[in-house]
C-alpha atoms as a PDB file:
ATOM      1  CA  ASN A   1      75.178  -3.229 -41.221  1.00  0.00           C
ATOM      2  CA  GLY A   2      74.799   0.065 -43.074  1.00  0.00           C
ATOM      3  CA  ILE A   3      76.504   2.068 -40.311  1.00  0.00           C
ATOM      4  CA  GLY A   4      79.915   0.481 -39.915  1.00  0.00           C
ATOM      5  CA  ALA A   5      82.151   1.590 -37.069  1.00  0.00           C
ATOM      6  CA  MET A   6      80.376   4.847 -36.243  1.00  0.00           C
ATOM      7  CA  HIS A   7      80.097   5.954 -32.655  1.00  0.00           C
ATOM      8  CA  PHE A   8      76.567   5.493 -31.315  1.00  0.00           C
ATOM      9  CA  ALA A   9      75.758   8.513 -29.161  1.00  0.00           C
ATOM     10  CA  ARG A  10      72.297   7.231 -28.203  1.00  0.00           C
ATOM     11  CA  CYS A  11      69.976   4.387 -29.262  1.00  0.00           C
ATOM     12  CA  ILE A  12      66.444   3.802 -28.007  1.00  0.00           C
ATOM     13  CA  ARG A  13      63.881   1.047 -28.283  1.00  0.00           C
ATOM     14  CA  ALA A  14      61.116   2.972 -26.540  1.00  0.00           C
ATOM     15  CA  ASP A  15      58.726   2.146 -29.352  1.00  0.00           C
ATOM     16  CA  LYS A  16      56.186  -0.324 -27.973  1.00  0.00           C
ATOM     17  CA  LYS A  17      53.925   0.055 -31.007  1.00  0.00           C
ATOM     18  CA  ARG A  18      56.324  -1.718 -33.378  1.00  0.00           C
ATOM     19  CA  GLN A  19      58.474  -4.758 -32.593  1.00  0.00           C
ATOM     20  CA  GLY A  20      62.112  -4.474 -33.711  1.00  0.00           C
ATOM     21  CA  LEU A  21      61.989  -0.710 -34.337  1.00  0.00           C
ATOM     22  CA  LEU A  22      65.111   1.152 -33.189  1.00  0.00           C
ATOM     23  CA  TYR A  23      66.200   4.794 -33.478  1.00  0.00           C
ATOM     24  CA  CYS A  24      69.878   5.694 -33.216  1.00  0.00           C
ATOM     25  CA  GLY A  25      71.631   9.016 -33.101  1.00  0.00           C
ATOM     26  CA  THR A  26      75.306   9.052 -34.042  1.00  0.00           C
ATOM     27  CA  GLU A  27      78.045  11.584 -34.593  1.00  0.00           C
ATOM     28  CA  TYR A  28      77.035  11.409 -38.267  1.00  0.00           C
ATOM     29  CA  GLY A  29      73.275  11.857 -37.950  1.00  0.00           C
ATOM     30  CA  MET A  30      70.101   9.794 -37.411  1.00  0.00           C
ATOM     31  CA  TYR A  31      69.478   6.147 -38.385  1.00  0.00           C
ATOM     32  CA  ILE A  32      66.554   3.749 -38.101  1.00  0.00           C
ATOM     33  CA  SER A  33      66.279  -0.036 -37.976  1.00  0.00           C
ATOM     34  CA  TYR A  34      63.185  -2.198 -38.412  1.00  0.00           C
ATOM     35  CA  ASP A  35      64.883  -5.489 -37.466  1.00  0.00           C
ATOM     36  CA  ASP A  36      66.399  -4.977 -34.011  1.00  0.00           C
ATOM     37  CA  GLY A  37      69.549  -3.349 -35.357  1.00  0.00           C
ATOM     38  CA  VAL A  38      70.559  -5.972 -37.920  1.00  0.00           C
ATOM     39  CA  ASN A  39      70.166  -3.421 -40.733  1.00  0.00           C
ATOM     40  CA  TRP A  40      70.131   0.360 -40.591  1.00  0.00           C
ATOM     41  CA  LYS A  41      68.915   3.146 -42.906  1.00  0.00           C
ATOM     42  CA  PRO A  42      69.476   6.914 -42.758  1.00  0.00           C
ATOM     43  CA  PHE A  43      66.627   8.718 -40.994  1.00  0.00           C
ATOM     44  CA  GLN A  44      67.803  12.287 -41.457  1.00  0.00           C
ATOM     45  CA  LEU A  45      64.727  13.920 -43.064  1.00  0.00           C
ATOM     46  CA  ASN A  46      65.230  17.701 -42.634  1.00  0.00           C
ATOM     47  CA  LEU A  47      67.499  17.313 -39.590  1.00  0.00           C
ATOM     48  CA  PRO A  48      70.862  19.074 -40.064  1.00  0.00           C
ATOM     49  CA  MET A  49      73.895  16.790 -40.364  1.00  0.00           C
ATOM     50  CA  VAL A  50      75.141  17.226 -36.825  1.00  0.00           C
ATOM     51  CA  PRO A  51      76.205  14.963 -33.911  1.00  0.00           C
ATOM     52  CA  ILE A  52      73.239  13.686 -31.891  1.00  0.00           C
ATOM     53  CA  THR A  53      73.766  13.504 -28.134  1.00  0.00           C
ATOM     54  CA  ASP A  54      70.440  12.205 -26.860  1.00  0.00           C
ATOM     55  CA  LEU A  55      67.053  10.801 -27.903  1.00  0.00           C
ATOM     56  CA  THR A  56      63.750  10.271 -26.157  1.00  0.00           C
ATOM     57  CA  ILE A  57      60.124   9.550 -27.041  1.00  0.00           C
ATOM     58  CA  LYS A  58      57.439  11.685 -25.423  1.00  0.00           C
ATOM     59  CA  GLU A  59      53.794  10.836 -26.158  1.00  0.00           C
ATOM     60  CA  ASN A  60      54.821   9.188 -29.421  1.00  0.00           C
ATOM     61  CA  ASP A  61      56.914  12.168 -30.593  1.00  0.00           C
ATOM     62  CA  LEU A  62      60.636  11.607 -31.191  1.00  0.00           C
ATOM     63  CA  VAL A  63      62.761  14.288 -29.499  1.00  0.00           C
ATOM     64  CA  VAL A  64      66.359  14.654 -30.735  1.00  0.00           C
ATOM     65  CA  ALA A  65      69.054  16.650 -28.911  1.00  0.00           C
ATOM     66  CA  THR A  66      71.964  17.759 -31.100  1.00  0.00           C
ATOM     67  CA  GLN A  67      75.389  19.182 -30.457  1.00  0.00           C
ATOM     68  CA  GLY A  68      75.224  22.858 -31.312  1.00  0.00           C
ATOM     69  CA  ARG A  69      71.908  22.921 -33.237  1.00  0.00           C
ATOM     70  CA  SER A  70      69.368  22.866 -30.386  1.00  0.00           C
ATOM     71  CA  PHE A  71      66.778  20.064 -30.225  1.00  0.00           C
ATOM     72  CA  TRP A  72      64.365  18.802 -32.856  1.00  0.00           C
ATOM     73  CA  VAL A  73      60.999  17.003 -32.641  1.00  0.00           C
ATOM     74  CA  LEU A  74      59.456  14.568 -35.109  1.00  0.00           C
ATOM     75  CA  ASP A  75      55.737  14.803 -34.359  1.00  0.00           C
ATOM     76  CA  ASP A  76      53.713  11.583 -34.373  1.00  0.00           C
ATOM     77  CA  LEU A  77      55.673   8.417 -35.089  1.00  0.00           C
ATOM     78  CA  THR A  78      52.537   6.492 -36.113  1.00  0.00           C
ATOM     79  CA  ILE A  79      53.368   6.423 -39.832  1.00  0.00           C
ATOM     80  CA  VAL A  80      56.895   5.184 -39.048  1.00  0.00           C
ATOM     81  CA  GLN A  81      55.491   2.504 -36.722  1.00  0.00           C
ATOM     82  CA  GLN A  82      52.854   1.304 -39.213  1.00  0.00           C
ATOM     83  CA  LYS A  83      55.123   1.412 -42.268  1.00  0.00           C
ATOM     84  CA  ASP A  84      54.385  -1.658 -44.391  1.00  0.00           C
ATOM     85  CA  ASN A  85      54.816  -2.297 -48.115  1.00  0.00           C
ATOM     86  CA  SER A  86      51.386  -3.979 -48.234  1.00  0.00           C
ATOM     87  CA  ILE A  87      49.759  -0.566 -47.740  1.00  0.00           C
ATOM     88  CA  MET A  88      50.729   0.381 -51.298  1.00  0.00           C
ATOM     89  CA  SER A  89      48.437  -2.316 -52.699  1.00  0.00           C
ATOM     90  CA  LYS A  90      45.360  -1.036 -50.830  1.00  0.00           C
ATOM     91  CA  ASN A  91      42.965   1.420 -52.438  1.00  0.00           C
ATOM     92  CA  LEU A  92      42.475   3.256 -49.159  1.00  0.00           C
ATOM     93  CA  PHE A  93      44.328   3.020 -45.853  1.00  0.00           C
ATOM     94  CA  SER A  94      44.150   5.083 -42.679  1.00  0.00           C
ATOM     95  CA  PHE A  95      46.974   5.253 -40.161  1.00  0.00           C
ATOM     96  CA  GLY A  96      46.372   5.349 -36.423  1.00  0.00           C
ATOM     97  CA  VAL A  97      45.630   8.770 -34.956  1.00  0.00           C
ATOM     98  CA  ASN A  98      47.705  10.154 -32.112  1.00  0.00           C
ATOM     99  CA  ASP A  99      45.958  11.621 -29.088  1.00  0.00           C
ATOM    100  CA  ALA A 100      45.723  15.410 -29.304  1.00  0.00           C
ATOM    101  CA  TYR A 101      45.365  18.017 -26.582  1.00  0.00           C
ATOM    102  CA  ARG A 102      42.413  20.388 -26.569  1.00  0.00           C
ATOM    103  CA  PHE A 103      43.791  23.919 -26.530  1.00  0.00           C
ATOM    104  CA  ASP A 104      42.959  27.294 -28.008  1.00  0.00           C
ATOM    105  CA  GLY A 105      45.069  29.440 -30.290  1.00  0.00           C
ATOM    106  CA  SER A 106      46.628  28.886 -33.697  1.00  0.00           C
ATOM    107  CA  GLN A 107      50.014  28.770 -35.409  1.00  0.00           C
ATOM    108  CA  ASN A 108      51.305  32.315 -35.771  1.00  0.00           C
ATOM    109  CA  PRO A 109      53.825  33.372 -38.428  1.00  0.00           C
ATOM    110  CA  ASN A 110      57.231  32.260 -37.211  1.00  0.00           C
ATOM    111  CA  PRO A 111      60.350  34.393 -36.982  1.00  0.00           C
ATOM    112  CA  LYS A 112      63.418  33.181 -38.821  1.00  0.00           C
ATOM    113  CA  ASN A 113      65.112  30.073 -37.426  1.00  0.00           C
ATOM    114  CA  ALA A 114      62.064  29.176 -35.298  1.00  0.00           C
ATOM    115  CA  GLY A 115      60.449  25.768 -35.432  1.00  0.00           C
ATOM    116  CA  MET A 116      56.895  25.096 -36.591  1.00  0.00           C
ATOM    117  CA  ASN A 117      54.362  24.024 -34.006  1.00  0.00           C
ATOM    118  CA  PRO A 118      52.373  20.843 -34.697  1.00  0.00           C
ATOM    119  CA  PRO A 119      48.856  21.348 -36.114  1.00  0.00           C
ATOM    120  CA  ASN A 120      46.247  22.496 -33.603  1.00  0.00           C
ATOM    121  CA  GLY A 121      43.813  19.609 -33.841  1.00  0.00           C
ATOM    122  CA  SER A 122      43.449  15.881 -34.400  1.00  0.00           C
ATOM    123  CA  VAL A 123      45.625  14.739 -37.322  1.00  0.00           C
ATOM    124  CA  ILE A 124      44.438  11.911 -39.596  1.00  0.00           C
ATOM    125  CA  ASN A 125      46.989  10.541 -42.088  1.00  0.00           C
ATOM    126  CA  TYR A 126      45.646   8.361 -44.888  1.00  0.00           C
ATOM    127  CA  PHE A 127      46.784   6.782 -48.153  1.00  0.00           C
ATOM    128  CA  VAL A 128      44.806   6.810 -51.432  1.00  0.00           C
ATOM    129  CA  LYS A 129      46.165   4.542 -54.156  1.00  0.00           C
ATOM    130  CA  ASP A 130      44.501   6.251 -57.119  1.00  0.00           C
ATOM    131  CA  ILE A 131      42.353   9.347 -57.363  1.00  0.00           C
ATOM    132  CA  SER A 132      40.795  11.150 -60.322  1.00  0.00           C
ATOM    133  CA  ASP A 133      39.915  14.828 -60.513  1.00  0.00           C
ATOM    134  CA  SER A 134      36.194  13.999 -60.434  1.00  0.00           C
ATOM    135  CA  ALA A 135      36.372  11.460 -57.590  1.00  0.00           C
ATOM    136  CA  LYS A 136      34.539  12.235 -54.364  1.00  0.00           C
ATOM    137  CA  VAL A 137      36.387  11.753 -51.100  1.00  0.00           C
ATOM    138  CA  SER A 138      34.714  12.566 -47.795  1.00  0.00           C
ATOM    139  CA  ILE A 139      35.676  12.475 -44.124  1.00  0.00           C
ATOM    140  CA  ASP A 140      32.953  12.142 -41.496  1.00  0.00           C
ATOM    141  CA  ILE A 141      33.718  13.164 -37.912  1.00  0.00           C
ATOM    142  CA  LEU A 142      31.455  11.475 -35.348  1.00  0.00           C
ATOM    143  CA  ASP A 143      30.972  11.982 -31.605  1.00  0.00           C
ATOM    144  CA  LYS A 144      31.324   9.415 -28.827  1.00  0.00           C
ATOM    145  CA  ASN A 145      27.905   7.978 -29.728  1.00  0.00           C
ATOM    146  CA  LYS A 146      28.876   7.845 -33.422  1.00  0.00           C
ATOM    147  CA  LYS A 147      26.483  10.676 -34.233  1.00  0.00           C
ATOM    148  CA  LEU A 148      27.681  12.815 -37.154  1.00  0.00           C
ATOM    149  CA  ILE A 149      29.360  16.079 -36.144  1.00  0.00           C
ATOM    150  CA  LYS A 150      30.553  17.303 -39.526  1.00  0.00           C
ATOM    151  CA  THR A 151      31.407  16.111 -43.032  1.00  0.00           C
ATOM    152  CA  PHE A 152      34.363  17.374 -45.052  1.00  0.00           C
ATOM    153  CA  SER A 153      34.472  16.594 -48.763  1.00  0.00           C
ATOM    154  CA  THR A 154      36.189  17.289 -52.070  1.00  0.00           C
ATOM    155  CA  LYS A 155      32.727  18.322 -53.319  1.00  0.00           C
ATOM    156  CA  ALA A 156      31.768  20.574 -50.391  1.00  0.00           C
ATOM    157  CA  LYS A 157      30.280  23.959 -51.274  1.00  0.00           C
ATOM    158  CA  GLU A 158      31.650  25.820 -48.269  1.00  0.00           C
ATOM    159  CA  LYS A 159      35.371  26.613 -48.355  1.00  0.00           C
ATOM    160  CA  GLU A 160      35.951  25.562 -44.729  1.00  0.00           C
ATOM    161  CA  ASP A 161      34.389  22.128 -45.436  1.00  0.00           C
ATOM    162  CA  LYS A 162      36.352  21.440 -48.619  1.00  0.00           C
ATOM    163  CA  ILE A 163      39.364  19.101 -48.656  1.00  0.00           C
ATOM    164  CA  GLU A 164      42.047  18.555 -51.261  1.00  0.00           C
ATOM    165  CA  VAL A 165      43.069  14.946 -51.909  1.00  0.00           C
ATOM    166  CA  SER A 166      45.954  13.691 -54.044  1.00  0.00           C
ATOM    167  CA  LYS A 167      47.291  10.308 -55.049  1.00  0.00           C
ATOM    168  CA  GLY A 168      49.392   8.769 -52.287  1.00  0.00           C
ATOM    169  CA  MET A 169      49.723  10.184 -48.768  1.00  0.00           C
ATOM    170  CA  ASN A 170      47.243  12.753 -47.454  1.00  0.00           C
ATOM    171  CA  GLN A 171      46.748  14.519 -44.141  1.00  0.00           C
ATOM    172  CA  PHE A 172      43.578  15.955 -42.633  1.00  0.00           C
ATOM    173  CA  VAL A 173      43.440  18.056 -39.468  1.00  0.00           C
ATOM    174  CA  TRP A 174      40.159  18.438 -37.596  1.00  0.00           C
ATOM    175  CA  ASN A 175      40.283  21.640 -35.556  1.00  0.00           C
ATOM    176  CA  MET A 176      37.961  20.040 -32.954  1.00  0.00           C
ATOM    177  CA  GLU A 177      35.231  22.577 -33.679  1.00  0.00           C
ATOM    178  CA  TYR A 178      31.573  21.829 -34.283  1.00  0.00           C
ATOM    179  CA  THR A 179      29.660  23.425 -37.155  1.00  0.00           C
ATOM    180  CA  PRO A 180      29.112  27.173 -36.611  1.00  0.00           C
ATOM    181  CA  ALA A 181      25.686  28.765 -36.569  1.00  0.00           C
ATOM    182  CA  GLU A 182      23.999  29.583 -39.850  1.00  0.00           C
ATOM    183  CA  LYS A 183      25.283  32.854 -41.246  1.00  0.00           C
ATOM    184  CA  THR A 184      23.154  35.406 -43.069  1.00  0.00           C
ATOM    185  CA  GLU A 185      25.074  37.326 -45.720  1.00  0.00           C
ATOM    186  CA  GLY A 186      24.919  41.098 -45.354  1.00  0.00           C
ATOM    187  CA  LEU A 187      23.564  41.009 -41.797  1.00  0.00           C
ATOM    188  CA  ILE A 188      25.380  43.458 -39.505  1.00  0.00           C
ATOM    189  CA  LEU A 189      26.258  41.804 -36.185  1.00  0.00           C
ATOM    190  CA  TRP A 190      28.587  43.014 -33.456  1.00  0.00           C
ATOM    191  CA  HIS A 191      30.289  39.628 -33.097  1.00  0.00           C
ATOM    192  CA  GLY A 192      30.071  38.546 -36.743  1.00  0.00           C
ATOM    193  CA  ASN A 193      28.728  35.059 -36.090  1.00  0.00           C
ATOM    194  CA  VAL A 194      28.437  32.332 -33.459  1.00  0.00           C
ATOM    195  CA  THR A 195      31.120  29.683 -33.901  1.00  0.00           C
ATOM    196  CA  GLY A 196      30.708  26.016 -33.146  1.00  0.00           C
ATOM    197  CA  PRO A 197      31.942  24.957 -29.695  1.00  0.00           C
ATOM    198  CA  LYS A 198      35.225  23.132 -29.199  1.00  0.00           C
ATOM    199  CA  ALA A 199      34.807  19.387 -28.725  1.00  0.00           C
ATOM    200  CA  ALA A 200      35.011  18.136 -25.152  1.00  0.00           C
ATOM    201  CA  PRO A 201      37.840  15.731 -24.224  1.00  0.00           C
ATOM    202  CA  VAL A 202      36.618  12.225 -25.047  1.00  0.00           C
ATOM    203  CA  ARG A 203      36.935   9.519 -27.711  1.00  0.00           C
ATOM    204  CA  TYR A 204      35.682  10.377 -31.223  1.00  0.00           C
ATOM    205  CA  PHE A 205      35.321   8.442 -34.468  1.00  0.00           C
ATOM    206  CA  TYR A 206      35.950   9.091 -38.153  1.00  0.00           C
ATOM    207  CA  LYS A 207      35.066   7.495 -41.486  1.00  0.00           C
ATOM    208  CA  ILE A 208      36.881   8.154 -44.754  1.00  0.00           C
ATOM    209  CA  LYS A 209      35.112   7.322 -48.024  1.00  0.00           C
ATOM    210  CA  ALA A 210      36.808   7.338 -51.421  1.00  0.00           C
ATOM    211  CA  GLU A 211      34.399   6.228 -54.145  1.00  0.00           C
ATOM    212  CA  LYS A 212      33.463   2.605 -53.210  1.00  0.00           C
ATOM    213  CA  ASP A 213      36.128   2.188 -50.525  1.00  0.00           C
ATOM    214  CA  SER A 214      35.900   3.261 -46.901  1.00  0.00           C
ATOM    215  CA  VAL A 215      37.943   3.020 -43.682  1.00  0.00           C
ATOM    216  CA  GLU A 216      37.011   3.812 -40.106  1.00  0.00           C
ATOM    217  CA  GLY A 217      38.910   4.632 -36.959  1.00  0.00           C
ATOM    218  CA  SER A 218      38.838   6.507 -33.678  1.00  0.00           C
ATOM    219  CA  PHE A 219      40.884   9.120 -31.860  1.00  0.00           C
ATOM    220  CA  THR A 220      41.011  10.742 -28.451  1.00  0.00           C
ATOM    221  CA  ILE A 221      40.992  14.409 -27.509  1.00  0.00           C
ATOM    222  CA  LYS A 222      42.808  14.964 -24.227  1.00  0.00           C
ATOM    223  CA  ALA A 223      42.048  17.701 -21.709  1.00  0.00           C
ATOM    224  CA  ASN A 224      44.376  20.678 -21.523  1.00  0.00           C
ATOM    225  CA  PRO A 225      46.619  19.901 -18.526  1.00  0.00           C
ATOM    226  CA  VAL A 226      46.862  23.619 -17.696  1.00  0.00           C
ATOM    227  CA  TYR A 227      43.259  23.634 -16.469  1.00  0.00           C
ATOM    228  CA  ASN A 228      42.019  21.696 -13.454  1.00  0.00           C
ATOM    229  CA  LEU A 229      38.656  20.722 -14.947  1.00  0.00           C
ATOM    230  CA  THR A 230      36.587  17.564 -14.639  1.00  0.00           C
ATOM    231  CA  GLN A 231      34.841  15.761 -17.476  1.00  0.00           C
ATOM    232  CA  GLN A 232      31.562  17.107 -16.071  1.00  0.00           C
ATOM    233  CA  ASP A 233      32.917  20.664 -16.336  1.00  0.00           C
ATOM    234  CA  TYR A 234      33.791  20.149 -19.997  1.00  0.00           C
ATOM    235  CA  ASP A 235      30.425  18.514 -20.742  1.00  0.00           C
ATOM    236  CA  GLU A 236      28.489  21.335 -19.078  1.00  0.00           C
ATOM    237  CA  GLN A 237      30.477  23.949 -20.969  1.00  0.00           C
ATOM    238  CA  PHE A 238      29.909  22.152 -24.276  1.00  0.00           C
ATOM    239  CA  ASN A 239      26.163  21.679 -23.650  1.00  0.00           C
ATOM    240  CA  PHE A 240      25.775  25.372 -22.846  1.00  0.00           C
ATOM    241  CA  LEU A 241      27.712  26.545 -25.904  1.00  0.00           C
ATOM    242  CA  ILE A 242      25.907  24.185 -28.284  1.00  0.00           C
ATOM    243  CA  SER A 243      22.562  25.438 -26.937  1.00  0.00           C
ATOM    244  CA  VAL A 244      23.686  29.036 -27.596  1.00  0.00           C
ATOM    245  CA  ARG A 245      24.665  28.106 -31.142  1.00  0.00           C
ATOM    246  CA  ASP A 246      21.347  26.329 -31.757  1.00  0.00           C
ATOM    247  CA  LYS A 247      19.289  29.234 -30.347  1.00  0.00           C
ATOM    248  CA  PHE A 248      21.210  31.702 -32.496  1.00  0.00           C
ATOM    249  CA  ASP A 249      20.532  29.393 -35.449  1.00  0.00           C
ATOM    250  CA  GLU A 250      16.796  29.603 -34.711  1.00  0.00           C
ATOM    251  CA  ILE A 251      16.968  33.413 -34.663  1.00  0.00           C
ATOM    252  CA  GLN A 252      18.788  33.513 -38.016  1.00  0.00           C
ATOM    253  CA  LYS A 253      16.297  31.153 -39.631  1.00  0.00           C
ATOM    254  CA  ALA A 254      13.350  33.111 -38.212  1.00  0.00           C
ATOM    255  CA  GLY A 255      14.789  36.322 -39.670  1.00  0.00           C
ATOM    256  CA  LYS A 256      15.235  34.655 -43.062  1.00  0.00           C
ATOM    257  CA  ASN A 257      11.654  33.377 -42.985  1.00  0.00           C
ATOM    258  CA  ILE A 258      10.292  36.837 -42.130  1.00  0.00           C
ATOM    259  CA  ARG A 259      12.210  38.486 -44.976  1.00  0.00           C
ATOM    260  CA  ASP A 260      11.177  35.739 -47.384  1.00  0.00           C
ATOM    261  CA  ILE A 261       7.477  36.000 -46.502  1.00  0.00           C
ATOM    262  CA  ARG A 262       7.613  39.805 -46.669  1.00  0.00           C
ATOM    263  CA  LYS A 263       9.073  39.568 -50.180  1.00  0.00           C
ATOM    264  CA  GLN A 264       6.418  37.055 -51.257  1.00  0.00           C
ATOM    265  CA  ILE A 265       3.656  39.376 -50.016  1.00  0.00           C
ATOM    266  CA  SER A 266       5.210  42.411 -51.710  1.00  0.00           C
ATOM    267  CA  ASP A 267       5.652  40.524 -55.011  1.00  0.00           C
ATOM    268  CA  PHE A 268       2.053  39.302 -54.840  1.00  0.00           C
ATOM    269  CA  MET A 269       0.722  42.805 -54.192  1.00  0.00           C
ATOM    270  CA  ASP A 270       2.809  44.280 -57.018  1.00  0.00           C
ATOM    271  CA  LYS A 271       1.361  41.746 -59.466  1.00  0.00           C
ATOM    272  CA  GLN A 272      -2.205  42.664 -58.447  1.00  0.00           C
ATOM    273  CA  GLY A 273      -1.620  46.341 -59.128  1.00  0.00           C
ATOM    274  CA  LYS A 274      -4.389  48.851 -58.446  1.00  0.00           C
ATOM    275  CA  ASP A 275      -7.118  46.238 -58.742  1.00  0.00           C
ATOM    276  CA  VAL A 276      -6.240  44.459 -55.493  1.00  0.00           C
ATOM    277  CA  PRO A 277      -9.211  44.361 -53.102  1.00  0.00           C
ATOM    278  CA  LYS A 278      -9.010  46.653 -50.076  1.00  0.00           C
ATOM    279  CA  GLU A 279      -9.431  43.726 -47.633  1.00  0.00           C
ATOM    280  CA  ILE A 280      -6.422  41.886 -49.093  1.00  0.00           C
ATOM    281  CA  LYS A 281      -4.238  45.013 -48.937  1.00  0.00           C
ATOM    282  CA  GLN A 282      -5.201  45.536 -45.296  1.00  0.00           C
ATOM    283  CA  GLN A 283      -4.416  41.901 -44.474  1.00  0.00           C
ATOM    284  CA  ALA A 284      -1.049  42.114 -46.237  1.00  0.00           C
ATOM    285  CA  ASP A 285      -0.126  45.275 -44.309  1.00  0.00           C
ATOM    286  CA  THR A 286      -1.239  43.698 -41.019  1.00  0.00           C
ATOM    287  CA  ILE A 287       0.912  40.574 -41.554  1.00  0.00           C
ATOM    288  CA  LYS A 288       3.948  42.664 -42.453  1.00  0.00           C
ATOM    289  CA  LYS A 289       3.531  44.863 -39.358  1.00  0.00           C
ATOM    290  CA  GLN A 290       3.161  41.819 -37.088  1.00  0.00           C
ATOM    291  CA  MET A 291       6.294  40.235 -38.532  1.00  0.00           C
ATOM    292  CA  THR A 292       8.239  43.494 -38.241  1.00  0.00           C
ATOM    293  CA  VAL A 293       7.542  43.644 -34.497  1.00  0.00           C
ATOM    294  CA  ILE A 294       9.106  40.190 -34.120  1.00  0.00           C
ATOM    295  CA  GLU A 295      11.990  40.938 -36.478  1.00  0.00           C
ATOM    296  CA  GLU A 296      12.925  44.146 -34.639  1.00  0.00           C
ATOM    297  CA  ALA A 297      13.000  42.278 -31.331  1.00  0.00           C
ATOM    298  CA  LEU A 298      15.395  39.668 -32.739  1.00  0.00           C
ATOM    299  CA  HIS A 299      17.751  41.889 -34.744  1.00  0.00           C
ATOM    300  CA  GLN A 300      18.746  45.559 -34.941  1.00  0.00           C
ATOM    301  CA  THR A 301      17.392  46.306 -38.431  1.00  0.00           C
ATOM    302  CA  LYS A 302      18.672  49.906 -38.330  1.00  0.00           C
ATOM    303  CA  ALA A 303      22.280  48.690 -38.451  1.00  0.00           C
ATOM    304  CA  LYS A 304      23.529  49.118 -42.013  1.00  0.00           C
ATOM    305  CA  SER A 305      27.280  49.277 -41.395  1.00  0.00           C
ATOM    306  CA  GLY A 306      29.814  47.889 -38.964  1.00  0.00           C
ATOM    307  CA  GLN A 307      29.811  51.119 -36.926  1.00  0.00           C
ATOM    308  CA  ASP A 308      26.028  51.284 -36.596  1.00  0.00           C
ATOM    309  CA  VAL A 309      26.119  48.807 -33.738  1.00  0.00           C
ATOM    310  CA  LEU A 310      27.589  51.666 -31.679  1.00  0.00           C
ATOM    311  CA  ASN A 311      24.665  53.952 -32.542  1.00  0.00           C
ATOM    312  CA  PHE A 312      21.681  51.648 -32.014  1.00  0.00           C
ATOM    313  CA  PRO A 313      20.851  49.221 -29.185  1.00  0.00           C
ATOM    314  CA  ILE A 314      22.021  45.650 -29.637  1.00  0.00           C
ATOM    315  CA  LEU A 315      19.111  43.193 -29.655  1.00  0.00           C
ATOM    316  CA  LEU A 316      18.676  39.484 -28.994  1.00  0.00           C
ATOM    317  CA  ASP A 317      20.937  38.007 -31.683  1.00  0.00           C
END
């Protein structure tokens, strides 16, 4: 029904996550059935109208071979598998999250006629029935022990933590990175800043909150198959990198404290004017000198431009 006497080039029922779900490629394009082939609907999306010669499912991605137009991939069939009209009546709904591989790199600008790589990270698809401009929506990412890693929100102050949410379907991609070290504006550093480490391969959790509604779920990050590493290797790498980030954080906060205290002392002395007692002036100068010794061991204070790091020794940070 719905297809007629077309020639079926390839049909598959390799979808164990949804009973009765069939994909069929024909000489006239792609079709889908949710009732074991009793009824069919077009499933063309952005696929060119071209004969389909073969289909397969690899790690829940649908791979389509065509006659004369190369092969196409529909990433993550979860939304297709969990399609249900009852979702539309829910205020908030989260679809299952496909496993994602842990790998470095990002999507580069593509040449003409080249396909787009899937997002580099764990992809969470969710549905919001209604949303106002002032509504707060947040996504918490939690580690294997359900300890908070990072929160993304429509109200976040930092650009990298801010999400945009619209009525209907939404997609969020976590890049698998932990929060970077605290950054001090205007501070000249050779490396710029210390980023957060990449999450180790393991199971993680998430929680989406939209006003009074919330949904929870989990997802798995899989090890990069290119590398022959054990879970212990990944854990040791992560523990080392997170300790580096935290130590750098301490240095940044110490530098901020020193500059803040120095300013407080200078402001206090300026308000006293010429009438400040000699003992207080000596004490103020002593404190500033002691702090400067520490500050100059932590950071190269002579660096005033990006090229100065070539002229003066690099220090602890």
